[in-house]
């Protein structure tokens, strides 16, 4: 079960790491309450064998996602794939959005996409890449749900970590979110 946890507002790196570790724990727990379409064959073998979490962007505590590597969830090994930010890729590719989108093509095959708040300027472009795929998109960026994201992490009024869910987008992606998770959300669209 997900429980709101106190967040620290201190500016030092350990506090940032602690806060981000809590966010990563939330992300991991979201997986337990979401079902993806078409991941079992007729013999009930899970296909594909790995559960891929893609992370795009930059955050000083991004290494917190490494703690999920090699864990098993829903009978599948968790694999973490990290991607440079959209803006960084744009610079590296001479401003070619087509090249950037091609380099991010594999986002479509992940099960969960975490978009760092560093990507706020590019949310619409990133989410457009995965919008017709069964990808649970999660971020702590403002405006994430209105741009087409599924779950947004946020600090609540009492300084705890909570989350909002865009259930409409989740359904369009073919994701089934447990009513238990929906009840825990601060807000559901």
Protein backbone atom coordinates (compact mmCIF):
# COMPACT_ATOMS: atom_id res chain seq x y z
CA UNK A 1 0.00 0.00 0.00
CA UNK A 2 1.20 3.51 -0.73
CA UNK A 3 1.43 5.85 2.21
CA UNK A 4 2.15 9.57 2.07
CA UNK A 5 5.59 10.27 3.51
CA UNK A 6 7.00 13.50 4.95
CA UNK A 7 9.21 15.41 2.56
CA UNK A 8 12.18 17.53 3.52
CA UNK A 9 12.70 20.95 1.98
CA UNK A 10 16.37 21.22 2.91
CA UNK A 11 18.63 22.22 0.04
CA UNK A 12 21.45 19.76 0.66
CA UNK A 13 22.02 16.69 -1.55
CA UNK A 14 21.11 14.05 1.10
CA UNK A 15 17.63 15.59 1.44
CA UNK A 16 17.18 15.69 -2.31
CA UNK A 17 18.28 12.07 -2.45
CA UNK A 18 15.86 11.09 0.30
CA UNK A 19 12.95 12.86 -1.40
CA UNK A 20 13.80 11.31 -4.76
CA UNK A 21 14.20 7.87 -3.17
CA UNK A 22 10.66 8.23 -1.81
CA UNK A 23 9.43 9.15 -5.30
CA UNK A 24 11.18 6.10 -6.75
CA UNK A 25 9.52 3.92 -4.09
CA UNK A 26 6.14 5.34 -5.12
CA UNK A 27 6.92 4.59 -8.77
CA UNK A 28 7.83 1.00 -7.91
CA UNK A 29 4.62 0.57 -5.93
CA UNK A 30 2.46 2.00 -8.72
CA UNK A 31 3.44 -1.03 -10.81
CA UNK A 32 1.69 -3.33 -8.34
CA UNK A 33 -1.62 -1.55 -8.96
CA UNK A 34 -1.56 -1.35 -12.75
CA UNK A 35 -2.21 -4.02 -15.38
CA UNK A 36 -0.80 -3.76 -18.88
CA UNK A 37 -2.54 -5.32 -21.88
CA UNK A 38 -1.17 -8.32 -23.75
CA UNK A 39 1.65 -9.40 -21.48
CA UNK A 40 0.58 -13.02 -21.11
CA UNK A 41 0.40 -15.60 -23.88
CA UNK A 42 -1.99 -18.58 -24.09
CA UNK A 43 0.23 -20.65 -21.80
CA UNK A 44 0.30 -17.83 -19.21
CA UNK A 45 3.97 -17.13 -19.86
CA UNK A 46 4.82 -13.52 -19.35
CA UNK A 47 5.99 -11.79 -22.50
CA UNK A 48 8.41 -9.94 -22.56
CA UNK A 49 10.55 -11.36 -19.73
CA UNK A 50 11.65 -7.93 -18.42
CA UNK A 51 9.72 -5.02 -16.98
CA UNK A 52 11.38 -1.93 -18.43
CA UNK A 53 11.38 1.40 -16.63
CA UNK A 54 12.68 4.22 -18.82
CA UNK A 55 13.86 7.45 -17.23
CA UNK A 56 14.31 10.58 -19.33
CA UNK A 57 15.98 13.79 -18.23
CA UNK A 58 18.28 14.89 -15.46
CA UNK A 59 18.00 15.01 -11.69
CA UNK A 60 20.89 15.07 -9.17
CA UNK A 61 19.49 11.95 -7.48
CA UNK A 62 18.63 9.96 -10.61
CA UNK A 63 20.81 7.10 -9.36
CA UNK A 64 17.97 6.26 -6.94
CA UNK A 65 16.36 4.35 -9.81
CA UNK A 66 19.33 1.96 -9.80
CA UNK A 67 17.94 0.44 -6.60
CA UNK A 68 15.13 -1.07 -8.70
CA UNK A 69 17.46 -2.86 -11.11
CA UNK A 70 17.17 -6.63 -10.96
CA UNK A 71 14.16 -6.55 -8.63
CA UNK A 72 11.29 -8.76 -9.71
CA UNK A 73 7.77 -7.50 -10.07
CA UNK A 74 4.80 -9.30 -11.59
CA UNK A 75 7.17 -12.18 -12.29
CA UNK A 76 9.50 -10.04 -14.39
CA UNK A 77 12.98 -8.67 -13.83
CA UNK A 78 13.06 -4.86 -13.62
CA UNK A 79 15.39 -3.20 -16.11
CA UNK A 80 16.21 0.51 -15.90
CA UNK A 81 17.02 2.44 -19.09
CA UNK A 82 18.14 6.05 -18.77
CA UNK A 83 17.85 8.59 -21.57
CA UNK A 84 19.36 12.03 -21.93
CA UNK A 85 16.91 14.91 -21.85
CA UNK A 86 15.04 15.95 -24.98
CA UNK A 87 16.80 19.33 -25.08
CA UNK A 88 20.23 17.71 -24.72
CA UNK A 89 19.43 15.27 -27.53
CA UNK A 90 18.15 18.15 -29.65
CA UNK A 91 21.49 19.97 -29.28
CA UNK A 92 23.46 16.80 -29.99
CA UNK A 93 21.41 16.18 -33.14
CA UNK A 94 21.79 19.65 -34.60
CA UNK A 95 18.25 20.70 -33.74
CA UNK A 96 16.65 17.81 -35.65
CA UNK A 97 13.49 16.76 -33.82
CA UNK A 98 13.16 13.83 -36.20
CA UNK A 99 16.53 12.45 -35.05
CA UNK A 100 15.62 13.01 -31.41
CA UNK A 101 12.31 11.17 -31.80
CA UNK A 102 14.12 8.32 -33.59
CA UNK A 103 16.64 8.07 -30.72
CA UNK A 104 13.73 7.92 -28.25
CA UNK A 105 11.78 5.33 -30.27
CA UNK A 106 12.50 2.61 -27.69
CA UNK A 107 10.40 4.52 -25.13
CA UNK A 108 7.38 2.96 -26.85
CA UNK A 109 8.39 -0.50 -25.67
CA UNK A 110 8.91 0.34 -21.98
CA UNK A 111 6.17 -0.37 -19.47
CA UNK A 112 6.82 2.69 -17.29
CA UNK A 113 8.29 6.03 -18.29
CA UNK A 114 9.50 8.44 -15.62
CA UNK A 115 9.91 11.96 -16.98
CA UNK A 116 12.16 14.13 -14.82
CA UNK A 117 10.93 17.65 -14.08
CA UNK A 118 13.96 18.90 -16.07
CA UNK A 119 11.90 17.96 -19.16
CA UNK A 120 8.95 20.25 -18.38
CA UNK A 121 9.57 22.29 -21.55
CA UNK A 122 9.39 19.10 -23.67
CA UNK A 123 6.55 17.18 -21.97
CA UNK A 124 4.22 17.38 -24.95
CA UNK A 125 6.89 16.07 -27.35
CA UNK A 126 7.98 13.24 -25.05
CA UNK A 127 4.45 12.13 -24.25
CA UNK A 128 3.51 12.22 -27.95
CA UNK A 129 6.11 9.47 -28.53
CA UNK A 130 4.35 7.05 -26.15
CA UNK A 131 0.75 8.26 -26.34
CA UNK A 132 -0.63 5.32 -28.34
CA UNK A 133 1.28 2.69 -26.38
CA UNK A 134 0.65 0.91 -23.09
CA UNK A 135 3.18 3.00 -21.18
CA UNK A 136 2.51 4.21 -17.65
CA UNK A 137 3.96 7.73 -17.68
CA UNK A 138 4.92 9.27 -14.33
CA UNK A 139 6.49 12.64 -13.47
CA UNK A 140 6.75 15.28 -10.79
CA UNK A 141 6.62 18.11 -13.35
CA UNK A 142 3.90 20.77 -13.20
CA UNK A 143 1.43 20.45 -16.06
CA UNK A 144 2.22 16.78 -16.62
CA UNK A 145 -1.37 15.54 -16.58
CA UNK A 146 -2.65 18.31 -18.86
CA UNK A 147 0.05 17.37 -21.41
CA UNK A 148 -1.10 13.73 -21.49
CA UNK A 149 0.75 12.10 -18.59
CA UNK A 150 -0.87 9.41 -16.43
CA UNK A 151 0.46 9.94 -12.87
CA UNK A 152 1.92 13.11 -11.38
CA UNK A 153 3.76 13.07 -8.05
CA UNK A 154 3.27 16.17 -5.94
CA UNK A 155 3.73 17.61 -2.49
CA UNK A 156 0.39 17.96 -0.71
CA UNK A 157 -0.70 20.87 1.53
CA UNK A 158 0.57 19.07 4.62
CA UNK A 159 4.02 18.57 3.03
CA UNK A 160 3.57 14.89 2.21
CA UNK A 161 4.07 13.15 -1.10
CA UNK A 162 0.88 12.43 -2.98
CA UNK A 163 -0.13 11.84 -6.56
CA UNK A 164 -2.77 12.64 -9.16
CA UNK A 165 -4.00 10.28 -11.87
CA UNK A 166 -5.25 11.07 -15.35
CA UNK A 167 -7.50 8.02 -15.61
CA UNK A 168 -8.79 9.09 -19.03
CA UNK A 169 -5.28 8.90 -20.52
CA UNK A 170 -4.59 5.60 -18.74
CA UNK A 171 -7.68 4.03 -20.33
CA UNK A 172 -6.69 5.32 -23.79
CA UNK A 173 -3.30 3.64 -23.32
CA UNK A 174 -4.99 0.35 -22.39
CA UNK A 175 -3.79 0.49 -18.79
CA UNK A 176 -6.01 -0.82 -16.01
CA UNK A 177 -5.47 1.04 -12.74
CA UNK A 178 -6.68 -0.64 -9.57
CA UNK A 179 -9.50 1.07 -7.71
CA UNK A 180 -7.27 0.86 -4.61
CA UNK A 181 -4.70 3.13 -6.27
CA UNK A 182 -7.39 5.47 -7.59
CA UNK A 183 -8.74 5.89 -4.04
CA UNK A 184 -5.29 6.88 -2.76
CA UNK A 185 -4.89 9.61 -5.38
CA UNK A 186 -5.18 13.25 -4.28
CA UNK A 187 -7.12 13.90 -7.50
CA UNK A 188 -8.32 11.79 -10.43
CA UNK A 189 -9.17 13.19 -13.84
